[in-house]
Amino acid sequence: MKERGYTITSFCQKFDLKTQNIIQNYIKGNPTIKRLEDLCEKLDCDITDLFYPIGDSSDAQPTINTTAFCPHCGAKVRVGVMLLPEE
C-alpha cells in the first residue's frame, strides 16, 4: 500500500473498507488467494507485487518488468527479466 501512496486509513477510506478488517484479515491474518486478488485489483497491481515489492532494492542486477497476456487463457501476467552481465 505504501508503494502505491496509501496509508491503511486512506486506502480504507477510498474503497469504503473498515480499517480493523484490513488489519485483521490482511496484515495480521492469513488471507485467502481470493482476498489477495481483490486487494490487488484495488491497488492496480499483480499479486506477485505483494511478495516482490516494487521498490525492493535487494536485486543486484537490473531487471526489466512488463506484462503480457497468456496465450492459453488470456490472463494478464507479470513478466520480469533479469539482465545478466556479459561474460
Protein backbone atom coordinates (compact mmCIF):
# COMPACT_ATOMS: atom_id res chain seq x y z
CA MET A 1 0.00 0.00 0.00
CA LYS A 2 2.81 2.38 0.86
CA GLU A 3 4.35 1.92 -2.60
CA ARG A 4 1.04 2.98 -4.14
CA GLY A 5 0.86 6.09 -1.93
CA TYR A 6 -1.70 4.85 0.60
CA THR A 7 -1.77 4.57 4.34
CA ILE A 8 -4.08 1.92 5.73
CA THR A 9 -6.54 4.64 6.72
CA SER A 10 -6.53 6.41 3.34
CA PHE A 11 -6.86 3.09 1.48
CA CYS A 12 -9.85 2.11 3.60
CA GLN A 13 -11.49 5.50 3.14
CA LYS A 14 -11.06 5.40 -0.65
CA PHE A 15 -12.56 1.91 -1.02
CA ASP A 16 -15.11 2.18 1.82
CA LEU A 17 -13.48 -0.56 3.89
CA LYS A 18 -13.08 -0.91 7.65
CA THR A 19 -9.55 -0.38 8.91
CA GLN A 20 -9.93 -3.11 11.53
CA ASN A 21 -10.94 -5.65 8.86
CA ILE A 22 -7.88 -4.85 6.72
CA ILE A 23 -5.57 -5.19 9.72
CA GLN A 24 -7.12 -8.47 10.92
CA ASN A 25 -7.68 -10.12 7.54
CA TYR A 26 -4.66 -8.98 5.55
CA ILE A 27 -1.89 -7.71 7.77
CA LYS A 28 -2.17 -9.91 10.86
CA GLY A 29 -4.26 -12.68 9.34
CA ASN A 30 -3.73 -15.34 6.72
CA PRO A 31 -5.69 -14.02 3.71
CA THR A 32 -7.03 -16.31 1.03
CA ILE A 33 -5.88 -16.01 -2.58
CA LYS A 34 -9.29 -14.53 -3.43
CA ARG A 35 -8.84 -11.78 -0.83
CA LEU A 36 -5.33 -11.05 -2.10
CA GLU A 37 -6.65 -10.87 -5.68
CA ASP A 38 -9.36 -8.41 -4.55
CA LEU A 39 -6.73 -6.31 -2.79
CA CYS A 40 -4.51 -6.31 -5.89
CA GLU A 41 -7.44 -5.27 -8.06
CA LYS A 42 -7.98 -2.24 -5.82
CA LEU A 43 -4.26 -1.45 -5.77
CA ASP A 44 -3.98 -1.99 -9.55
CA CYS A 45 -1.09 -4.41 -9.15
CA ASP A 46 -0.21 -8.03 -9.76
CA ILE A 47 -0.38 -10.49 -6.87
CA THR A 48 3.37 -11.08 -7.16
CA ASP A 49 3.91 -7.41 -6.24
CA LEU A 50 2.81 -8.34 -2.73
CA PHE A 51 5.73 -10.74 -2.43
CA TYR A 52 8.29 -8.87 -4.54
CA PRO A 53 7.67 -5.18 -3.82
CA ILE A 54 8.23 -2.52 -6.47
CA GLY A 55 11.00 -0.73 -4.59
CA ASP A 56 12.80 -3.89 -3.47
CA SER A 57 16.48 -2.97 -3.55
CA SER A 58 17.76 -6.48 -2.85
CA ASP A 59 18.23 -7.21 -6.57
CA ALA A 60 21.82 -6.52 -7.59
CA GLN A 61 21.16 -6.98 -11.32
CA PRO A 62 18.93 -4.66 -13.32
CA THR A 63 15.60 -6.10 -14.36
CA ILE A 64 13.00 -5.38 -16.99
CA ASN A 65 9.42 -5.76 -15.78
CA THR A 66 6.49 -5.83 -18.15
CA THR A 67 3.13 -7.51 -18.60
CA ALA A 68 1.95 -9.95 -21.23
CA PHE A 69 -1.15 -11.99 -21.93
CA CYS A 70 -1.29 -15.76 -21.55
CA PRO A 71 -1.86 -17.35 -25.00
CA HIS A 72 -3.96 -20.12 -23.45
CA CYS A 73 -6.36 -18.32 -21.13
CA GLY A 74 -5.84 -14.64 -21.98
CA ALA A 75 -4.97 -13.68 -18.40
CA LYS A 76 -2.67 -10.72 -17.89
CA VAL A 77 0.62 -11.87 -16.34
CA ARG A 78 3.63 -10.02 -14.98
CA VAL A 79 6.94 -10.90 -16.57
CA GLY A 80 10.36 -9.99 -15.18
CA VAL A 81 13.67 -10.44 -16.96
CA MET A 82 16.94 -10.16 -15.09
CA LEU A 83 19.80 -8.76 -17.12
CA LEU A 84 22.98 -10.76 -16.58
CA PRO A 85 26.46 -9.33 -17.06
CA GLU A 86 28.28 -10.27 -20.24
CA GLU A 87 30.90 -12.99 -19.91
